[in-house]
Amino acid sequence: MNIGELKAHLVELFPALWPLIDNAVASINLNFAMDDEVFQDGDVVGFFPPVSGGSSPLTIIAVNEEPISTDEITAKLTLGTTGAVCAFTGIVRAETETGHFSQTSWLEYEAYIPMAEAKLFQIANEMRERWPKLEGVALLQRVGRINPGTASVLVACAASHRNLGIFDAAHYGIDRIKEIVPIWKKEVSPAGQVWVEGNYHPGKGD
């Protein structure tokens, strides 16, 4: 099987990948690979977005254990034409008063990272379809242990003006992350620990 055939097979298995896979860069055993290159049993094949370096549209995606810096991402999204950046940062709470009072010692996030990254790119594309004037989009999710007062997720949008949809786009982005990105969290408190379950079941096309 070659890289092009693998791409087609992956789209058959995971239709949501189709907007992303055609533009993806492929590798075989840590070397860039073209669609006609054949791989063997035991080879490590990777797909990832084009290496960042200035092409438009600007999209920043990450699912890892690195601390999230809103200032750093804002700087990366700011172009010469940028007049506004809207950033939503999700912070781990130490205390929750919704429903009943509870305390959180820390959260433990896990993710199915390859699919999570693909879904974040899908969300970025959905945001651009709805708000075509966006100059840049950043979607970052942190995994691992995260203490209270620390950022766990960031959605940021840049445009030439604040009235070009960046507030609505950021709101949409965080809602979609909660709906379709395969990320789970375990809440650890003085009372014990529990995995927090969502209630959204993705539909066809999600």
N, C-alpha and C. Protein backbone atom coordinates (compact mmCIF):
# COMPACT_ATOMS: atom_id res chain seq x y z
N MET A 1 0.84 -1.19 0.00
CA MET A 1 0.00 0.00 0.00
C MET A 1 0.88 1.25 0.00
N ASN A 2 0.45 2.28 -0.75
CA ASN A 2 1.22 3.53 -0.73
C ASN A 2 0.48 4.58 0.10
N ILE A 3 1.09 5.75 0.23
CA ILE A 3 0.54 6.79 1.08
C ILE A 3 -0.83 7.26 0.57
N GLY A 4 -0.96 7.44 -0.74
CA GLY A 4 -2.23 7.87 -1.30
C GLY A 4 -3.35 6.89 -1.02
N GLU A 5 -3.05 5.60 -1.15
CA GLU A 5 -4.06 4.57 -0.87
C GLU A 5 -4.43 4.56 0.61
N LEU A 6 -3.45 4.79 1.47
CA LEU A 6 -3.73 4.84 2.91
C LEU A 6 -4.64 6.02 3.24
N LYS A 7 -4.38 7.16 2.60
CA LYS A 7 -5.24 8.32 2.82
C LYS A 7 -6.69 7.99 2.47
N ALA A 8 -6.89 7.37 1.32
CA ALA A 8 -8.24 7.01 0.89
C ALA A 8 -8.88 6.04 1.87
N HIS A 9 -8.09 5.10 2.37
CA HIS A 9 -8.61 4.11 3.32
C HIS A 9 -9.01 4.79 4.63
N LEU A 10 -8.20 5.73 5.09
CA LEU A 10 -8.51 6.43 6.33
C LEU A 10 -9.79 7.24 6.21
N VAL A 11 -10.01 7.87 5.06
CA VAL A 11 -11.23 8.64 4.85
C VAL A 11 -12.45 7.72 4.86
N GLU A 12 -12.30 6.50 4.31
CA GLU A 12 -13.40 5.53 4.36
C GLU A 12 -13.74 5.18 5.80
N LEU A 13 -12.71 5.00 6.64
CA LEU A 13 -12.93 4.63 8.04
C LEU A 13 -13.40 5.81 8.87
N PHE A 14 -12.84 7.01 8.58
CA PHE A 14 -13.14 8.20 9.37
C PHE A 14 -13.49 9.35 8.41
N PRO A 15 -14.75 9.42 7.95
CA PRO A 15 -15.13 10.43 6.95
C PRO A 15 -14.82 11.86 7.36
N ALA A 16 -14.80 12.15 8.67
CA ALA A 16 -14.54 13.52 9.12
C ALA A 16 -13.14 13.99 8.74
N LEU A 17 -12.26 13.07 8.36
CA LEU A 17 -10.89 13.45 8.01
C LEU A 17 -10.78 14.04 6.61
N TRP A 18 -11.82 13.88 5.80
CA TRP A 18 -11.65 14.24 4.40
C TRP A 18 -11.27 15.69 4.15
N PRO A 19 -11.75 16.68 4.95
CA PRO A 19 -11.30 18.05 4.65
C PRO A 19 -9.83 18.28 5.00
N LEU A 20 -9.23 17.37 5.77
CA LEU A 20 -7.89 17.60 6.31
C LEU A 20 -6.83 16.75 5.64
N ILE A 21 -7.18 15.52 5.29
CA ILE A 21 -6.16 14.56 4.89
C ILE A 21 -5.48 14.92 3.58
N ASP A 22 -6.24 15.55 2.67
CA ASP A 22 -5.66 15.86 1.37
C ASP A 22 -4.52 16.86 1.47
N ASN A 23 -4.61 17.76 2.46
CA ASN A 23 -3.57 18.77 2.65
C ASN A 23 -2.51 18.35 3.65
N ALA A 24 -2.68 17.15 4.23
CA ALA A 24 -1.75 16.70 5.27
C ALA A 24 -0.39 16.33 4.67
N VAL A 25 0.64 16.55 5.44
CA VAL A 25 1.99 16.11 5.09
C VAL A 25 2.18 14.70 5.64
N ALA A 26 2.76 13.83 4.84
CA ALA A 26 2.96 12.44 5.26
C ALA A 26 4.43 12.16 5.52
N SER A 27 4.67 11.18 6.38
CA SER A 27 6.04 10.74 6.64
C SER A 27 6.07 9.23 6.78
N ILE A 28 7.21 8.65 6.43
CA ILE A 28 7.47 7.23 6.66
C ILE A 28 8.79 7.14 7.40
N ASN A 29 8.74 6.57 8.59
CA ASN A 29 9.95 6.42 9.42
C ASN A 29 10.71 7.73 9.56
N LEU A 30 9.93 8.80 9.88
CA LEU A 30 10.47 10.13 10.18
C LEU A 30 11.03 10.86 8.98
N ASN A 31 10.71 10.38 7.76
CA ASN A 31 11.11 11.07 6.53
C ASN A 31 9.86 11.46 5.75
N PHE A 32 9.85 12.67 5.16
CA PHE A 32 8.71 13.09 4.37
C PHE A 32 8.44 12.08 3.26
N ALA A 33 7.16 11.86 2.95
CA ALA A 33 6.79 10.86 1.94
C ALA A 33 5.73 11.43 1.01
N MET A 34 5.82 11.08 -0.28
CA MET A 34 4.84 11.47 -1.27
C MET A 34 3.75 10.41 -1.38
N ASP A 35 2.64 10.77 -2.05
CA ASP A 35 1.50 9.86 -2.12
C ASP A 35 1.83 8.53 -2.79
N ASP A 36 2.79 8.51 -3.72
CA ASP A 36 3.08 7.27 -4.44
C ASP A 36 4.12 6.39 -3.75
N GLU A 37 4.62 6.82 -2.58
CA GLU A 37 5.63 6.03 -1.88
C GLU A 37 4.98 4.89 -1.11
N VAL A 38 5.58 3.71 -1.23
CA VAL A 38 5.05 2.50 -0.61
C VAL A 38 5.69 2.29 0.75
N PHE A 39 4.89 1.86 1.73
CA PHE A 39 5.44 1.53 3.05
C PHE A 39 5.24 0.05 3.33
N GLN A 40 6.06 -0.47 4.23
CA GLN A 40 6.07 -1.89 4.54
C GLN A 40 5.55 -2.14 5.95
N ASP A 41 5.24 -3.40 6.25
CA ASP A 41 4.86 -3.77 7.60
C ASP A 41 5.96 -3.37 8.57
N GLY A 42 5.58 -2.73 9.65
CA GLY A 42 6.55 -2.28 10.64
C GLY A 42 7.00 -0.85 10.47
N ASP A 43 6.72 -0.24 9.30
CA ASP A 43 7.07 1.17 9.11
C ASP A 43 6.14 2.05 9.94
N VAL A 44 6.66 3.19 10.36
CA VAL A 44 5.85 4.16 11.11
C VAL A 44 5.43 5.27 10.15
N VAL A 45 4.13 5.38 9.91
CA VAL A 45 3.58 6.38 8.99
C VAL A 45 2.90 7.47 9.81
N GLY A 46 3.20 8.71 9.48
CA GLY A 46 2.61 9.83 10.19
C GLY A 46 1.93 10.80 9.24
N PHE A 47 0.87 11.45 9.71
CA PHE A 47 0.20 12.53 8.97
C PHE A 47 0.10 13.74 9.89
N PHE A 48 0.41 14.89 9.38
CA PHE A 48 0.37 16.10 10.19
C PHE A 48 0.18 17.31 9.27
N PRO A 49 -0.28 18.44 9.84
CA PRO A 49 -0.48 19.63 9.01
C PRO A 49 0.84 20.16 8.49
N PRO A 50 0.81 20.93 7.41
CA PRO A 50 2.04 21.54 6.92
C PRO A 50 2.77 22.29 8.02
N VAL A 51 4.08 22.19 8.01
CA VAL A 51 4.89 22.83 9.05
C VAL A 51 4.64 24.32 9.04
N SER A 52 4.45 24.89 10.23
CA SER A 52 4.15 26.32 10.31
C SER A 52 5.31 27.12 9.78
N GLY A 53 4.98 28.20 9.06
CA GLY A 53 6.06 29.00 8.51
C GLY A 53 5.57 30.22 7.80
N GLY A 54 4.25 30.50 7.90
CA GLY A 54 3.81 31.77 7.36
C GLY A 54 2.72 31.69 6.33
N SER A 55 2.34 30.48 5.88
CA SER A 55 1.30 30.42 4.88
C SER A 55 -0.05 30.75 5.51
N SER A 56 -0.93 31.32 4.71
CA SER A 56 -2.25 31.72 5.18
C SER A 56 -3.26 30.69 4.70
N PRO A 57 -4.31 30.38 5.48
CA PRO A 57 -4.66 30.98 6.76
C PRO A 57 -3.84 30.41 7.92
N LEU A 58 -3.64 31.24 8.91
CA LEU A 58 -2.84 30.85 10.07
C LEU A 58 -3.68 30.05 11.04
N THR A 59 -3.25 28.82 11.33
CA THR A 59 -3.95 27.95 12.26
C THR A 59 -2.93 27.33 13.21
N ILE A 60 -3.21 27.41 14.50
CA ILE A 60 -2.33 26.83 15.52
C ILE A 60 -3.13 25.80 16.29
N ILE A 61 -2.66 24.56 16.28
CA ILE A 61 -3.34 23.46 16.94
C ILE A 61 -2.35 22.75 17.85
N ALA A 62 -2.78 22.38 19.06
CA ALA A 62 -1.89 21.62 19.95
C ALA A 62 -2.72 20.84 20.97
N VAL A 63 -2.32 19.60 21.21
CA VAL A 63 -2.85 18.78 22.30
C VAL A 63 -1.64 18.15 22.98
N ASN A 64 -1.21 18.71 24.10
CA ASN A 64 0.00 18.23 24.75
C ASN A 64 0.02 18.67 26.22
N GLU A 65 1.12 18.40 26.90
CA GLU A 65 1.24 18.73 28.31
C GLU A 65 1.89 20.09 28.55
N GLU A 66 2.18 20.83 27.49
CA GLU A 66 2.84 22.12 27.64
C GLU A 66 1.91 23.16 28.25
N PRO A 67 2.41 24.00 29.16
CA PRO A 67 1.58 25.10 29.69
C PRO A 67 1.09 26.00 28.56
N ILE A 68 -0.11 26.54 28.73
CA ILE A 68 -0.71 27.40 27.72
C ILE A 68 -0.43 28.86 28.07
N SER A 69 0.13 29.59 27.12
CA SER A 69 0.41 31.02 27.30
C SER A 69 -0.47 31.82 26.35
N THR A 70 -1.45 32.52 26.90
CA THR A 70 -2.32 33.34 26.07
C THR A 70 -1.53 34.45 25.38
N ASP A 71 -0.58 35.05 26.07
CA ASP A 71 0.24 36.11 25.47
C ASP A 71 1.04 35.58 24.28
N GLU A 72 1.60 34.40 24.43
CA GLU A 72 2.41 33.82 23.34
C GLU A 72 1.55 33.54 22.12
N ILE A 73 0.37 32.98 22.33
CA ILE A 73 -0.51 32.67 21.20
C ILE A 73 -1.03 33.95 20.55
N THR A 74 -1.37 34.94 21.36
CA THR A 74 -1.82 36.22 20.81
C THR A 74 -0.75 36.83 19.92
N ALA A 75 0.51 36.76 20.36
CA ALA A 75 1.61 37.29 19.55
C ALA A 75 1.73 36.55 18.23
N LYS A 76 1.56 35.23 18.26
CA LYS A 76 1.67 34.44 17.03
C LYS A 76 0.53 34.73 16.06
N LEU A 77 -0.65 35.06 16.59
CA LEU A 77 -1.80 35.34 15.73
C LEU A 77 -1.81 36.77 15.20
N THR A 78 -1.01 37.63 15.76
CA THR A 78 -1.03 39.05 15.40
C THR A 78 -0.18 39.30 14.16
N LEU A 79 -0.86 39.64 13.06
CA LEU A 79 -0.20 39.98 11.80
C LEU A 79 -0.17 41.50 11.64
N GLY A 80 0.38 41.95 10.55
CA GLY A 80 0.42 43.39 10.30
C GLY A 80 -0.95 43.99 10.11
N THR A 81 -1.91 43.15 9.69
CA THR A 81 -3.27 43.64 9.44
C THR A 81 -4.21 43.39 10.62
N THR A 82 -3.72 42.75 11.66
CA THR A 82 -4.59 42.36 12.78
C THR A 82 -4.95 43.57 13.65
N GLY A 83 -6.26 43.72 13.89
CA GLY A 83 -6.71 44.80 14.76
C GLY A 83 -7.35 44.31 16.04
N ALA A 84 -7.62 42.98 16.11
CA ALA A 84 -8.29 42.45 17.30
C ALA A 84 -8.01 40.96 17.43
N VAL A 85 -7.79 40.53 18.66
CA VAL A 85 -7.67 39.11 18.99
C VAL A 85 -8.59 38.83 20.16
N CYS A 86 -9.44 37.84 20.02
CA CYS A 86 -10.33 37.42 21.11
C CYS A 86 -9.87 36.05 21.59
N ALA A 87 -9.57 35.92 22.87
CA ALA A 87 -9.08 34.65 23.41
C ALA A 87 -9.96 34.21 24.57
N PHE A 88 -10.43 32.98 24.50
CA PHE A 88 -11.11 32.36 25.64
C PHE A 88 -10.16 31.35 26.27
N THR A 89 -9.93 31.48 27.57
CA THR A 89 -9.05 30.57 28.29
C THR A 89 -9.85 29.86 29.37
N GLY A 90 -9.88 28.54 29.32
CA GLY A 90 -10.55 27.76 30.35
C GLY A 90 -9.59 27.49 31.49
N ILE A 91 -10.00 27.81 32.71
CA ILE A 91 -9.16 27.69 33.90
C ILE A 91 -9.72 26.62 34.82
N VAL A 92 -8.86 25.83 35.42
CA VAL A 92 -9.29 24.83 36.39
C VAL A 92 -9.71 25.54 37.68
N ARG A 93 -10.93 25.28 38.12
CA ARG A 93 -11.45 25.89 39.34
C ARG A 93 -11.00 25.11 40.57
N ALA A 94 -10.72 25.83 41.65
CA ALA A 94 -10.45 25.18 42.93
C ALA A 94 -11.75 24.89 43.67
N GLU A 95 -12.78 25.72 43.43
CA GLU A 95 -14.06 25.55 44.10
C GLU A 95 -15.18 25.72 43.08
N THR A 96 -16.21 24.87 43.21
CA THR A 96 -17.37 24.93 42.33
C THR A 96 -18.61 25.11 43.18
N GLU A 97 -19.43 26.11 42.84
CA GLU A 97 -20.64 26.39 43.61
C GLU A 97 -21.91 26.12 42.81
N THR A 98 -21.76 25.63 41.57
CA THR A 98 -22.92 25.33 40.74
C THR A 98 -23.56 24.02 41.21
N GLY A 99 -24.82 24.07 41.54
CA GLY A 99 -25.49 22.87 42.02
C GLY A 99 -25.20 22.62 43.48
N HIS A 100 -24.02 22.11 43.77
CA HIS A 100 -23.59 21.92 45.15
C HIS A 100 -22.12 22.28 45.26
N PHE A 101 -21.72 22.70 46.42
CA PHE A 101 -20.35 23.14 46.62
C PHE A 101 -19.39 21.95 46.58
N SER A 102 -18.28 22.11 45.86
CA SER A 102 -17.26 21.07 45.83
C SER A 102 -15.89 21.71 45.66
N GLN A 103 -14.87 21.00 46.05
CA GLN A 103 -13.50 21.46 45.91
C GLN A 103 -12.75 20.54 44.95
N THR A 104 -11.81 21.12 44.23
CA THR A 104 -11.00 20.36 43.28
C THR A 104 -9.53 20.49 43.65
N SER A 105 -8.87 19.35 43.85
CA SER A 105 -7.43 19.35 44.13
C SER A 105 -6.64 19.50 42.84
N TRP A 106 -7.05 18.75 41.82
CA TRP A 106 -6.48 18.92 40.48
C TRP A 106 -7.34 18.13 39.50
N LEU A 107 -7.14 18.39 38.20
CA LEU A 107 -7.79 17.64 37.14
C LEU A 107 -6.74 16.87 36.36
N GLU A 108 -7.12 15.70 35.90
CA GLU A 108 -6.25 14.88 35.06
C GLU A 108 -6.93 14.71 33.71
N TYR A 109 -6.31 15.29 32.67
CA TYR A 109 -6.88 15.22 31.32
C TYR A 109 -6.19 14.15 30.49
N GLU A 110 -7.00 13.39 29.76
CA GLU A 110 -6.49 12.43 28.79
C GLU A 110 -7.15 12.71 27.45
N ALA A 111 -6.47 12.33 26.37
CA ALA A 111 -7.02 12.54 25.03
C ALA A 111 -6.55 11.45 24.09
N TYR A 112 -7.39 11.15 23.12
CA TYR A 112 -6.98 10.33 21.98
C TYR A 112 -6.35 11.32 21.00
N ILE A 113 -5.04 11.55 21.18
CA ILE A 113 -4.40 12.72 20.59
C ILE A 113 -4.51 12.80 19.06
N PRO A 114 -4.23 11.74 18.29
CA PRO A 114 -4.33 11.90 16.83
C PRO A 114 -5.72 12.35 16.38
N MET A 115 -6.76 11.75 16.96
CA MET A 115 -8.11 12.15 16.58
C MET A 115 -8.45 13.52 17.14
N ALA A 116 -7.97 13.83 18.35
CA ALA A 116 -8.24 15.15 18.94
C ALA A 116 -7.66 16.26 18.07
N GLU A 117 -6.44 16.06 17.57
CA GLU A 117 -5.83 17.07 16.71
C GLU A 117 -6.62 17.22 15.41
N ALA A 118 -7.05 16.09 14.83
CA ALA A 118 -7.84 16.15 13.59
C ALA A 118 -9.15 16.89 13.82
N LYS A 119 -9.79 16.66 14.96
CA LYS A 119 -11.04 17.34 15.25
C LYS A 119 -10.84 18.83 15.50
N LEU A 120 -9.71 19.20 16.09
CA LEU A 120 -9.43 20.63 16.29
C LEU A 120 -9.26 21.32 14.94
N PHE A 121 -8.59 20.65 13.99
CA PHE A 121 -8.47 21.24 12.65
C PHE A 121 -9.85 21.35 12.00
N GLN A 122 -10.69 20.34 12.21
CA GLN A 122 -12.06 20.40 11.68
C GLN A 122 -12.80 21.60 12.24
N ILE A 123 -12.69 21.82 13.54
CA ILE A 123 -13.36 22.96 14.18
C ILE A 123 -12.83 24.28 13.62
N ALA A 124 -11.52 24.37 13.45
CA ALA A 124 -10.94 25.59 12.87
C ALA A 124 -11.52 25.86 11.48
N ASN A 125 -11.67 24.80 10.67
CA ASN A 125 -12.25 24.96 9.34
C ASN A 125 -13.72 25.39 9.43
N GLU A 126 -14.46 24.81 10.39
CA GLU A 126 -15.85 25.22 10.58
C GLU A 126 -15.94 26.69 10.96
N MET A 127 -15.03 27.14 11.82
CA MET A 127 -15.04 28.54 12.23
C MET A 127 -14.78 29.44 11.04
N ARG A 128 -13.86 29.07 10.18
CA ARG A 128 -13.55 29.90 9.01
C ARG A 128 -14.71 29.92 8.02
N GLU A 129 -15.43 28.81 7.90
CA GLU A 129 -16.58 28.79 7.00
C GLU A 129 -17.66 29.75 7.48
N ARG A 130 -17.84 29.84 8.79
CA ARG A 130 -18.88 30.71 9.35
C ARG A 130 -18.42 32.17 9.44
N TRP A 131 -17.15 32.36 9.71
CA TRP A 131 -16.61 33.72 9.85
C TRP A 131 -15.37 33.84 8.95
N PRO A 132 -15.60 34.05 7.66
CA PRO A 132 -14.50 34.01 6.67
C PRO A 132 -13.47 35.12 6.82
N LYS A 133 -13.76 36.13 7.62
CA LYS A 133 -12.80 37.22 7.79
C LYS A 133 -11.76 36.93 8.88
N LEU A 134 -11.82 35.77 9.50
CA LEU A 134 -10.82 35.44 10.51
C LEU A 134 -9.44 35.34 9.85
N GLU A 135 -8.47 35.98 10.45
CA GLU A 135 -7.09 35.91 9.95
C GLU A 135 -6.33 34.75 10.58
N GLY A 136 -6.66 34.42 11.81
CA GLY A 136 -5.95 33.35 12.49
C GLY A 136 -6.84 32.68 13.51
N VAL A 137 -6.59 31.38 13.72
CA VAL A 137 -7.34 30.60 14.71
C VAL A 137 -6.35 29.75 15.49
N ALA A 138 -6.50 29.71 16.81
CA ALA A 138 -5.68 28.86 17.66
C ALA A 138 -6.58 28.05 18.58
N LEU A 139 -6.36 26.74 18.61
CA LEU A 139 -7.11 25.83 19.47
C LEU A 139 -6.11 24.94 20.19
N LEU A 140 -6.01 25.11 21.50
CA LEU A 140 -5.03 24.36 22.28
C LEU A 140 -5.71 23.67 23.44
N GLN A 141 -5.38 22.41 23.66
CA GLN A 141 -5.88 21.65 24.80
C GLN A 141 -4.70 21.03 25.53
N ARG A 142 -4.64 21.26 26.83
CA ARG A 142 -3.58 20.68 27.63
C ARG A 142 -4.04 19.35 28.22
N VAL A 143 -3.14 18.37 28.29
CA VAL A 143 -3.43 17.09 28.91
C VAL A 143 -2.48 16.86 30.07
N GLY A 144 -2.77 15.81 30.86
CA GLY A 144 -1.97 15.55 32.04
C GLY A 144 -2.59 16.20 33.26
N ARG A 145 -1.81 16.25 34.33
CA ARG A 145 -2.31 16.85 35.57
C ARG A 145 -2.27 18.37 35.48
N ILE A 146 -3.40 19.00 35.83
CA ILE A 146 -3.51 20.45 35.77
C ILE A 146 -4.08 20.94 37.09
N ASN A 147 -3.36 21.81 37.74
CA ASN A 147 -3.75 22.31 39.05
C ASN A 147 -4.72 23.49 38.94
N PRO A 148 -5.49 23.76 39.99
CA PRO A 148 -6.39 24.92 39.98
C PRO A 148 -5.64 26.22 39.69
N GLY A 149 -6.32 27.10 38.99
CA GLY A 149 -5.71 28.37 38.61
C GLY A 149 -4.89 28.30 37.35
N THR A 150 -4.87 27.12 36.70
CA THR A 150 -4.04 26.89 35.52
C THR A 150 -4.94 26.69 34.30
N ALA A 151 -4.49 27.20 33.15
CA ALA A 151 -5.26 27.07 31.91
C ALA A 151 -5.24 25.63 31.41
N SER A 152 -6.42 25.14 31.02
CA SER A 152 -6.52 23.80 30.44
C SER A 152 -6.84 23.85 28.95
N VAL A 153 -7.46 24.93 28.48
CA VAL A 153 -7.84 25.02 27.07
C VAL A 153 -7.81 26.49 26.64
N LEU A 154 -7.50 26.70 25.36
CA LEU A 154 -7.48 28.06 24.82
C LEU A 154 -8.08 28.05 23.42
N VAL A 155 -8.98 28.98 23.19
CA VAL A 155 -9.53 29.23 21.85
C VAL A 155 -9.28 30.70 21.55
N ALA A 156 -8.58 30.99 20.48
CA ALA A 156 -8.28 32.38 20.14
C ALA A 156 -8.52 32.61 18.66
N CYS A 157 -9.04 33.81 18.34
CA CYS A 157 -9.32 34.20 16.96
C CYS A 157 -8.79 35.60 16.71
N ALA A 158 -8.28 35.81 15.52
CA ALA A 158 -7.75 37.12 15.14
C ALA A 158 -8.45 37.60 13.87
N ALA A 159 -8.63 38.91 13.79
CA ALA A 159 -9.22 39.53 12.61
C ALA A 159 -8.74 40.96 12.54
N SER A 160 -9.08 41.62 11.44
CA SER A 160 -8.64 43.00 11.28
C SER A 160 -9.45 43.95 12.14
N HIS A 161 -10.65 43.49 12.58
CA HIS A 161 -11.52 44.35 13.40
C HIS A 161 -12.35 43.48 14.33
N ARG A 162 -12.72 44.04 15.48
CA ARG A 162 -13.46 43.25 16.47
C ARG A 162 -14.86 42.87 15.99
N ASN A 163 -15.41 43.61 15.01
CA ASN A 163 -16.77 43.36 14.55
C ASN A 163 -16.86 42.35 13.42
N LEU A 164 -15.82 41.55 13.24
CA LEU A 164 -15.81 40.57 12.14
C LEU A 164 -16.04 39.15 12.63
N GLY A 165 -16.63 39.02 13.82
CA GLY A 165 -17.07 37.71 14.28
C GLY A 165 -16.19 37.00 15.27
N ILE A 166 -15.13 37.67 15.77
CA ILE A 166 -14.19 36.94 16.62
C ILE A 166 -14.80 36.50 17.95
N PHE A 167 -15.75 37.28 18.50
CA PHE A 167 -16.36 36.88 19.77
C PHE A 167 -17.23 35.63 19.57
N ASP A 168 -18.07 35.66 18.55
CA ASP A 168 -18.92 34.52 18.26
C ASP A 168 -18.09 33.29 17.87
N ALA A 169 -17.03 33.52 17.13
CA ALA A 169 -16.18 32.41 16.68
C ALA A 169 -15.51 31.71 17.86
N ALA A 170 -15.02 32.51 18.81
CA ALA A 170 -14.38 31.92 19.98
C ALA A 170 -15.39 31.12 20.81
N HIS A 171 -16.60 31.67 20.96
CA HIS A 171 -17.67 30.97 21.69
C HIS A 171 -18.00 29.65 20.99
N TYR A 172 -18.13 29.70 19.68
CA TYR A 172 -18.42 28.50 18.90
C TYR A 172 -17.30 27.47 19.07
N GLY A 173 -16.05 27.93 19.03
CA GLY A 173 -14.91 27.02 19.11
C GLY A 173 -14.88 26.23 20.40
N ILE A 174 -15.09 26.89 21.54
CA ILE A 174 -15.02 26.16 22.81
C ILE A 174 -16.21 25.22 22.94
N ASP A 175 -17.38 25.62 22.45
CA ASP A 175 -18.54 24.72 22.51
C ASP A 175 -18.29 23.47 21.69
N ARG A 176 -17.70 23.61 20.50
CA ARG A 176 -17.45 22.45 19.65
C ARG A 176 -16.36 21.55 20.23
N ILE A 177 -15.36 22.13 20.88
CA ILE A 177 -14.35 21.31 21.54
C ILE A 177 -15.01 20.41 22.57
N LYS A 178 -15.94 20.98 23.36
CA LYS A 178 -16.63 20.20 24.39
C LYS A 178 -17.51 19.12 23.78
N GLU A 179 -17.95 19.31 22.52
CA GLU A 179 -18.86 18.36 21.89
C GLU A 179 -18.14 17.20 21.20
N ILE A 180 -17.09 17.49 20.40
CA ILE A 180 -16.61 16.45 19.48
C ILE A 180 -15.15 16.06 19.63
N VAL A 181 -14.39 16.74 20.47
CA VAL A 181 -12.96 16.40 20.59
C VAL A 181 -12.81 15.32 21.68
N PRO A 182 -12.18 14.19 21.37
CA PRO A 182 -12.08 13.09 22.34
C PRO A 182 -11.09 13.39 23.47
N ILE A 183 -11.59 14.09 24.46
CA ILE A 183 -10.81 14.48 25.64
C ILE A 183 -11.64 14.14 26.87
N TRP A 184 -10.98 13.57 27.87
CA TRP A 184 -11.67 13.19 29.10
C TRP A 184 -10.92 13.77 30.29
N LYS A 185 -11.66 14.02 31.38
CA LYS A 185 -10.99 14.56 32.56
C LYS A 185 -11.43 13.82 33.82
N LYS A 186 -10.47 13.61 34.69
CA LYS A 186 -10.73 13.02 36.00
C LYS A 186 -10.57 14.11 37.04
N GLU A 187 -11.60 14.29 37.86
CA GLU A 187 -11.56 15.30 38.91
C GLU A 187 -11.13 14.67 40.23
N VAL A 188 -10.06 15.21 40.79
CA VAL A 188 -9.54 14.72 42.07
C VAL A 188 -9.84 15.76 43.13
N SER A 189 -10.49 15.32 44.22
CA SER A 189 -10.89 16.22 45.28
C SER A 189 -10.62 15.57 46.63
N PRO A 190 -10.75 16.32 47.73
CA PRO A 190 -10.59 15.70 49.05
C PRO A 190 -11.55 14.55 49.29
N ALA A 191 -12.67 14.54 48.56
CA ALA A 191 -13.66 13.47 48.74
C ALA A 191 -13.37 12.23 47.91
N GLY A 192 -12.38 12.30 46.99
CA GLY A 192 -12.06 11.17 46.14
C GLY A 192 -11.80 11.62 44.72
N GLN A 193 -12.02 10.73 43.75
CA GLN A 193 -11.80 11.07 42.35
C GLN A 193 -12.88 10.44 41.48
N VAL A 194 -13.20 11.15 40.39
CA VAL A 194 -14.25 10.66 39.50
C VAL A 194 -13.99 11.17 38.08
N TRP A 195 -14.26 10.31 37.09
CA TRP A 195 -14.18 10.73 35.70
C TRP A 195 -15.45 11.49 35.36
N VAL A 196 -15.30 12.67 34.78
CA VAL A 196 -16.43 13.52 34.43
C VAL A 196 -16.92 13.14 33.04
N GLU A 197 -18.18 12.72 32.94
CA GLU A 197 -18.73 12.29 31.67
C GLU A 197 -19.55 13.41 31.03
N GLY A 198 -19.44 13.49 29.70
CA GLY A 198 -20.25 14.45 28.97
C GLY A 198 -21.60 13.84 28.61
N ASN A 199 -22.44 14.61 27.92
CA ASN A 199 -23.75 14.10 27.53
C ASN A 199 -24.05 14.34 26.07
N TYR A 200 -23.07 14.81 25.29
CA TYR A 200 -23.29 15.04 23.86
C TYR A 200 -22.84 13.82 23.07
N HIS A 201 -23.74 13.32 22.21
CA HIS A 201 -23.39 12.18 21.36
C HIS A 201 -23.22 12.68 19.93
N PRO A 202 -21.99 12.68 19.40
CA PRO A 202 -21.76 13.20 18.05
C PRO A 202 -22.64 12.50 17.03
N GLY A 203 -23.11 13.29 16.08
CA GLY A 203 -23.93 12.74 15.01
C GLY A 203 -23.13 12.59 13.72
N LYS A 204 -23.77 12.11 12.69
CA LYS A 204 -23.11 11.95 11.41
C LYS A 204 -22.67 13.31 10.89
N GLY A 205 -21.41 13.42 10.51
CA GLY A 205 -20.87 14.70 10.06
C GLY A 205 -20.09 15.45 11.11
N ASP A 206 -20.28 15.06 12.38
CA ASP A 206 -19.49 15.67 13.46
C ASP A 206 -18.05 15.19 13.40
